[in-house]
Amino acid sequence: MTDARELIERFNAAWVSGDLQALSACLAADVAYCPNAWDAPATTIRGRDAVTAAFAAQIGRDPSPIGEPSPIREPSPIREPSPIGEPSPIREPSSGGGPVLDSPPGEGPALGAVWVSGDRVVCEWQWPPADDGTVLRGLDLYRVRDGLIVVKDVFGKITAR
């Protein structure tokens, strides 16, 4: 059985790299995904194929066929730490939980620490500041069963910097 932390860290790495096939492989057939709702009631997307298609739209990839390169956007690599004295795209969180993977500005959220309790997993994330200085940040709450993600629920808010 796959460790819940390892599963979510593998999922996050696939998200950062834009690997739709690897994302899909982390999902149970009956997965439920509830993205954050900004100005309407939240909806729930059900089933691996529908959730994979939703993820494809969010990361700028063509969902069919899964695993083929997309002409929409090439995945951005996880960057190596910068030399001492320069800002590092990979940093340690202040309260444990594993390394934080920062995405290049404008290319996606910085994925934060991962916390696990039984079959529940929480992961922090934060987008780079918008032009007006506001920041979109939040948490993903996962439920894991038999080594696969069965629920991904997103909670976010926009804050002043």
C-alpha atoms as a PDB file:
ATOM      1  CA  MET A   1       0.000   0.000   0.000  1.00  0.00           C
ATOM      2  CA  THR A   2       1.285   3.480  -0.879  1.00  0.00           C
ATOM      3  CA  ASP A   3       2.066   5.861   1.970  1.00  0.00           C
ATOM      4  CA  ALA A   4      -0.363   8.824   1.937  1.00  0.00           C
ATOM      5  CA  ARG A   5       2.422  11.423   2.180  1.00  0.00           C
ATOM      6  CA  GLU A   6       4.390   9.817  -0.665  1.00  0.00           C
ATOM      7  CA  LEU A   7       1.231   9.687  -2.791  1.00  0.00           C
ATOM      8  CA  ILE A   8       0.456  13.396  -2.346  1.00  0.00           C
ATOM      9  CA  GLU A   9       4.080  14.412  -2.848  1.00  0.00           C
ATOM     10  CA  ARG A  10       4.099  12.356  -6.083  1.00  0.00           C
ATOM     11  CA  PHE A  11       0.793  14.021  -7.092  1.00  0.00           C
ATOM     12  CA  ASN A  12       2.245  17.485  -6.350  1.00  0.00           C
ATOM     13  CA  ALA A  13       5.390  16.757  -8.371  1.00  0.00           C
ATOM     14  CA  ALA A  14       3.196  15.636 -11.299  1.00  0.00           C
ATOM     15  CA  TRP A  15       1.154  18.845 -10.953  1.00  0.00           C
ATOM     16  CA  VAL A  16       4.279  21.034 -11.030  1.00  0.00           C
ATOM     17  CA  SER A  17       5.701  19.182 -14.038  1.00  0.00           C
ATOM     18  CA  GLY A  18       2.354  19.119 -15.874  1.00  0.00           C
ATOM     19  CA  ASP A  19       2.391  15.308 -16.140  1.00  0.00           C
ATOM     20  CA  LEU A  20      -1.284  14.505 -16.667  1.00  0.00           C
ATOM     21  CA  GLN A  21      -0.690  10.758 -16.890  1.00  0.00           C
ATOM     22  CA  ALA A  22       1.059  10.727 -13.499  1.00  0.00           C
ATOM     23  CA  LEU A  23      -1.726  12.888 -11.992  1.00  0.00           C
ATOM     24  CA  SER A  24      -4.373  10.494 -13.262  1.00  0.00           C
ATOM     25  CA  ALA A  25      -2.452   7.494 -11.931  1.00  0.00           C
ATOM     26  CA  CYS A  26      -2.777   8.936  -8.402  1.00  0.00           C
ATOM     27  CA  LEU A  27      -6.594   9.028  -8.596  1.00  0.00           C
ATOM     28  CA  ALA A  28      -9.088   6.317  -7.646  1.00  0.00           C
ATOM     29  CA  ALA A  29     -11.703   5.454 -10.293  1.00  0.00           C
ATOM     30  CA  ASP A  30     -14.408   6.967  -8.059  1.00  0.00           C
ATOM     31  CA  VAL A  31     -12.463  10.123  -7.072  1.00  0.00           C
ATOM     32  CA  ALA A  32     -14.415  13.258  -6.138  1.00  0.00           C
ATOM     33  CA  TYR A  33     -12.894  16.712  -6.711  1.00  0.00           C
ATOM     34  CA  CYS A  34     -14.425  19.899  -5.340  1.00  0.00           C
ATOM     35  CA  PRO A  35     -12.553  22.984  -6.569  1.00  0.00           C
ATOM     36  CA  ASN A  36     -12.809  26.276  -4.731  1.00  0.00           C
ATOM     37  CA  ALA A  37     -15.937  28.284  -5.582  1.00  0.00           C
ATOM     38  CA  TRP A  38     -15.472  32.040  -5.880  1.00  0.00           C
ATOM     39  CA  ASP A  39     -18.850  33.480  -6.779  1.00  0.00           C
ATOM     40  CA  ALA A  40     -21.231  30.534  -7.036  1.00  0.00           C
ATOM     41  CA  PRO A  41     -21.978  27.323  -5.146  1.00  0.00           C
ATOM     42  CA  ALA A  42     -19.147  24.814  -5.247  1.00  0.00           C
ATOM     43  CA  THR A  43     -19.539  21.872  -7.581  1.00  0.00           C
ATOM     44  CA  THR A  44     -18.127  18.377  -7.253  1.00  0.00           C
ATOM     45  CA  ILE A  45     -16.558  16.606 -10.216  1.00  0.00           C
ATOM     46  CA  ARG A  46     -16.722  12.818 -10.001  1.00  0.00           C
ATOM     47  CA  GLY A  47     -14.767  10.042 -11.675  1.00  0.00           C
ATOM     48  CA  ARG A  48     -11.120   9.743 -12.776  1.00  0.00           C
ATOM     49  CA  ASP A  49     -11.720  10.818 -16.390  1.00  0.00           C
ATOM     50  CA  ALA A  50     -13.780  13.917 -15.480  1.00  0.00           C
ATOM     51  CA  VAL A  51     -11.360  14.962 -12.733  1.00  0.00           C
ATOM     52  CA  THR A  52      -8.353  14.426 -15.020  1.00  0.00           C
ATOM     53  CA  ALA A  53     -10.037  16.633 -17.647  1.00  0.00           C
ATOM     54  CA  ALA A  54     -10.601  19.347 -15.015  1.00  0.00           C
ATOM     55  CA  PHE A  55      -6.942  19.146 -13.953  1.00  0.00           C
ATOM     56  CA  ALA A  56      -5.878  19.313 -17.612  1.00  0.00           C
ATOM     57  CA  ALA A  57      -7.774  22.569 -18.035  1.00  0.00           C
ATOM     58  CA  GLN A  58      -6.204  23.990 -14.866  1.00  0.00           C
ATOM     59  CA  ILE A  59      -2.622  23.175 -15.830  1.00  0.00           C
ATOM     60  CA  GLY A  60      -3.063  24.096 -19.485  1.00  0.00           C
ATOM     61  CA  ARG A  61      -2.843  20.644 -21.047  1.00  0.00           C
ATOM     62  CA  ASP A  62      -4.967  18.770 -23.544  1.00  0.00           C
ATOM     63  CA  PRO A  63      -6.591  15.840 -21.696  1.00  0.00           C
ATOM     64  CA  SER A  64      -6.715  13.475 -24.653  1.00  0.00           C
ATOM     65  CA  PRO A  65      -4.776  11.395 -25.167  1.00  0.00           C
ATOM     66  CA  ILE A  66      -3.349  11.309 -21.646  1.00  0.00           C
ATOM     67  CA  GLY A  67       0.409  11.076 -21.595  1.00  0.00           C
ATOM     68  CA  GLU A  68       1.004  12.713 -24.967  1.00  0.00           C
ATOM     69  CA  PRO A  69       2.825  16.064 -25.127  1.00  0.00           C
ATOM     70  CA  SER A  70       0.467  19.023 -25.251  1.00  0.00           C
ATOM     71  CA  PRO A  71       0.891  21.905 -27.660  1.00  0.00           C
ATOM     72  CA  ILE A  72      -0.772  24.200 -25.081  1.00  0.00           C
ATOM     73  CA  ARG A  73       2.061  24.450 -22.551  1.00  0.00           C
ATOM     74  CA  GLU A  74       5.210  22.559 -21.790  1.00  0.00           C
ATOM     75  CA  PRO A  75       5.554  21.518 -18.160  1.00  0.00           C
ATOM     76  CA  SER A  76       7.746  23.678 -15.959  1.00  0.00           C
ATOM     77  CA  PRO A  77      10.565  21.810 -14.234  1.00  0.00           C
ATOM     78  CA  ILE A  78      11.091  21.690 -10.493  1.00  0.00           C
ATOM     79  CA  ARG A  79      14.013  24.040 -10.081  1.00  0.00           C
ATOM     80  CA  GLU A  80      17.164  23.269  -8.108  1.00  0.00           C
ATOM     81  CA  PRO A  81      18.062  25.334  -5.030  1.00  0.00           C
ATOM     82  CA  SER A  82      19.847  28.611  -5.759  1.00  0.00           C
ATOM     83  CA  PRO A  83      23.370  29.330  -4.517  1.00  0.00           C
ATOM     84  CA  ILE A  84      23.675  30.657  -0.968  1.00  0.00           C
ATOM     85  CA  GLY A  85      22.619  34.281  -0.761  1.00  0.00           C
ATOM     86  CA  GLU A  86      20.082  34.059  -3.600  1.00  0.00           C
ATOM     87  CA  PRO A  87      16.379  33.324  -3.199  1.00  0.00           C
ATOM     88  CA  SER A  88      15.743  29.599  -3.357  1.00  0.00           C
ATOM     89  CA  PRO A  89      12.753  28.084  -5.171  1.00  0.00           C
ATOM     90  CA  ILE A  90      12.883  25.124  -2.776  1.00  0.00           C
ATOM     91  CA  ARG A  91      12.681  26.036   0.889  1.00  0.00           C
ATOM     92  CA  GLU A  92      11.982  24.349   4.186  1.00  0.00           C
ATOM     93  CA  PRO A  93       8.624  25.192   5.775  1.00  0.00           C
ATOM     94  CA  SER A  94       8.654  26.944   9.137  1.00  0.00           C
ATOM     95  CA  SER A  95       6.680  24.221  10.918  1.00  0.00           C
ATOM     96  CA  GLY A  96       7.810  20.890   9.416  1.00  0.00           C
ATOM     97  CA  GLY A  97       6.088  18.742   6.838  1.00  0.00           C
ATOM     98  CA  GLY A  98       8.728  18.522   4.116  1.00  0.00           C
ATOM     99  CA  PRO A  99      10.200  20.825   1.498  1.00  0.00           C
ATOM    100  CA  VAL A 100       8.149  23.476  -0.256  1.00  0.00           C
ATOM    101  CA  LEU A 101       8.240  23.424  -4.063  1.00  0.00           C
ATOM    102  CA  ASP A 102       8.047  26.953  -5.425  1.00  0.00           C
ATOM    103  CA  SER A 103       6.893  27.388  -9.008  1.00  0.00           C
ATOM    104  CA  PRO A 104       8.433  30.069 -11.193  1.00  0.00           C
ATOM    105  CA  PRO A 105       6.438  33.348 -11.011  1.00  0.00           C
ATOM    106  CA  GLY A 106       3.321  33.312 -13.168  1.00  0.00           C
ATOM    107  CA  GLU A 107       3.459  29.562 -13.789  1.00  0.00           C
ATOM    108  CA  GLY A 108       1.425  28.189 -10.916  1.00  0.00           C
ATOM    109  CA  PRO A 109       1.159  28.042  -7.175  1.00  0.00           C
ATOM    110  CA  ALA A 110       3.976  27.339  -4.771  1.00  0.00           C
ATOM    111  CA  LEU A 111       3.084  24.009  -3.190  1.00  0.00           C
ATOM    112  CA  GLY A 112       3.716  23.879   0.522  1.00  0.00           C
ATOM    113  CA  ALA A 113       4.190  21.405   3.299  1.00  0.00           C
ATOM    114  CA  VAL A 114       2.221  18.147   3.456  1.00  0.00           C
ATOM    115  CA  TRP A 115       0.622  16.970   6.714  1.00  0.00           C
ATOM    116  CA  VAL A 116      -0.839  13.489   7.174  1.00  0.00           C
ATOM    117  CA  SER A 117      -3.213  12.037   9.757  1.00  0.00           C
ATOM    118  CA  GLY A 118      -4.461   8.561   8.895  1.00  0.00           C
ATOM    119  CA  ASP A 119      -6.249   8.726   5.540  1.00  0.00           C
ATOM    120  CA  ARG A 120      -6.397  12.558   5.556  1.00  0.00           C
ATOM    121  CA  VAL A 121      -3.723  14.738   3.974  1.00  0.00           C
ATOM    122  CA  VAL A 122      -3.434  18.541   3.889  1.00  0.00           C
ATOM    123  CA  CYS A 123      -1.193  20.532   1.537  1.00  0.00           C
ATOM    124  CA  GLU A 124      -0.684  24.308   1.574  1.00  0.00           C
ATOM    125  CA  TRP A 125      -0.398  26.334  -1.635  1.00  0.00           C
ATOM    126  CA  GLN A 126       0.013  29.970  -2.643  1.00  0.00           C
ATOM    127  CA  TRP A 127       0.001  31.757  -5.995  1.00  0.00           C
ATOM    128  CA  PRO A 128       2.444  34.590  -6.709  1.00  0.00           C
ATOM    129  CA  PRO A 129       1.025  38.052  -5.901  1.00  0.00           C
ATOM    130  CA  ALA A 130      -1.318  39.562  -8.500  1.00  0.00           C
ATOM    131  CA  ASP A 131      -0.650  42.988 -10.001  1.00  0.00           C
ATOM    132  CA  ASP A 132      -2.805  44.576  -7.277  1.00  0.00           C
ATOM    133  CA  GLY A 133      -0.769  42.884  -4.522  1.00  0.00           C
ATOM    134  CA  THR A 134      -3.419  40.358  -3.513  1.00  0.00           C
ATOM    135  CA  VAL A 135      -2.419  36.744  -2.973  1.00  0.00           C
ATOM    136  CA  LEU A 136      -4.499  33.611  -3.574  1.00  0.00           C
ATOM    137  CA  ARG A 137      -3.591  30.989  -1.007  1.00  0.00           C
ATOM    138  CA  GLY A 138      -5.216  27.965   0.508  1.00  0.00           C
ATOM    139  CA  LEU A 139      -5.241  24.316   1.418  1.00  0.00           C
ATOM    140  CA  ASP A 140      -6.020  21.109  -0.422  1.00  0.00           C
ATOM    141  CA  LEU A 141      -7.638  18.461   1.756  1.00  0.00           C
ATOM    142  CA  TYR A 142      -7.217  14.914   0.438  1.00  0.00           C
ATOM    143  CA  ARG A 143      -8.656  11.578   1.496  1.00  0.00           C
ATOM    144  CA  VAL A 144      -6.680   8.492   0.495  1.00  0.00           C
ATOM    145  CA  ARG A 145      -7.902   4.899   0.137  1.00  0.00           C
ATOM    146  CA  ASP A 146      -5.855   1.900  -0.990  1.00  0.00           C
ATOM    147  CA  GLY A 147      -2.974   4.115  -2.088  1.00  0.00           C
ATOM    148  CA  LEU A 148      -5.069   6.412  -4.302  1.00  0.00           C
ATOM    149  CA  ILE A 149      -6.727   9.807  -3.908  1.00  0.00           C
ATOM    150  CA  VAL A 150     -10.499   9.428  -3.418  1.00  0.00           C
ATOM    151  CA  VAL A 151     -11.260  13.061  -2.477  1.00  0.00           C
ATOM    152  CA  LYS A 152      -9.536  16.370  -3.261  1.00  0.00           C
ATOM    153  CA  ASP A 153     -11.309  19.335  -1.691  1.00  0.00           C
ATOM    154  CA  VAL A 154      -9.883  22.829  -2.246  1.00  0.00           C
ATOM    155  CA  PHE A 155     -10.212  25.726   0.184  1.00  0.00           C
ATOM    156  CA  GLY A 156      -8.778  29.095  -0.806  1.00  0.00           C
ATOM    157  CA  LYS A 157      -8.954  32.780  -0.106  1.00  0.00           C
ATOM    158  CA  ILE A 158      -7.622  35.993  -1.538  1.00  0.00           C
ATOM    159  CA  THR A 159      -5.662  38.125   0.910  1.00  0.00           C
ATOM    160  CA  ALA A 160      -3.837  41.435   0.826  1.00  0.00           C
ATOM    161  CA  ARG A 161      -0.130  40.924   0.706  1.00  0.00           C
END
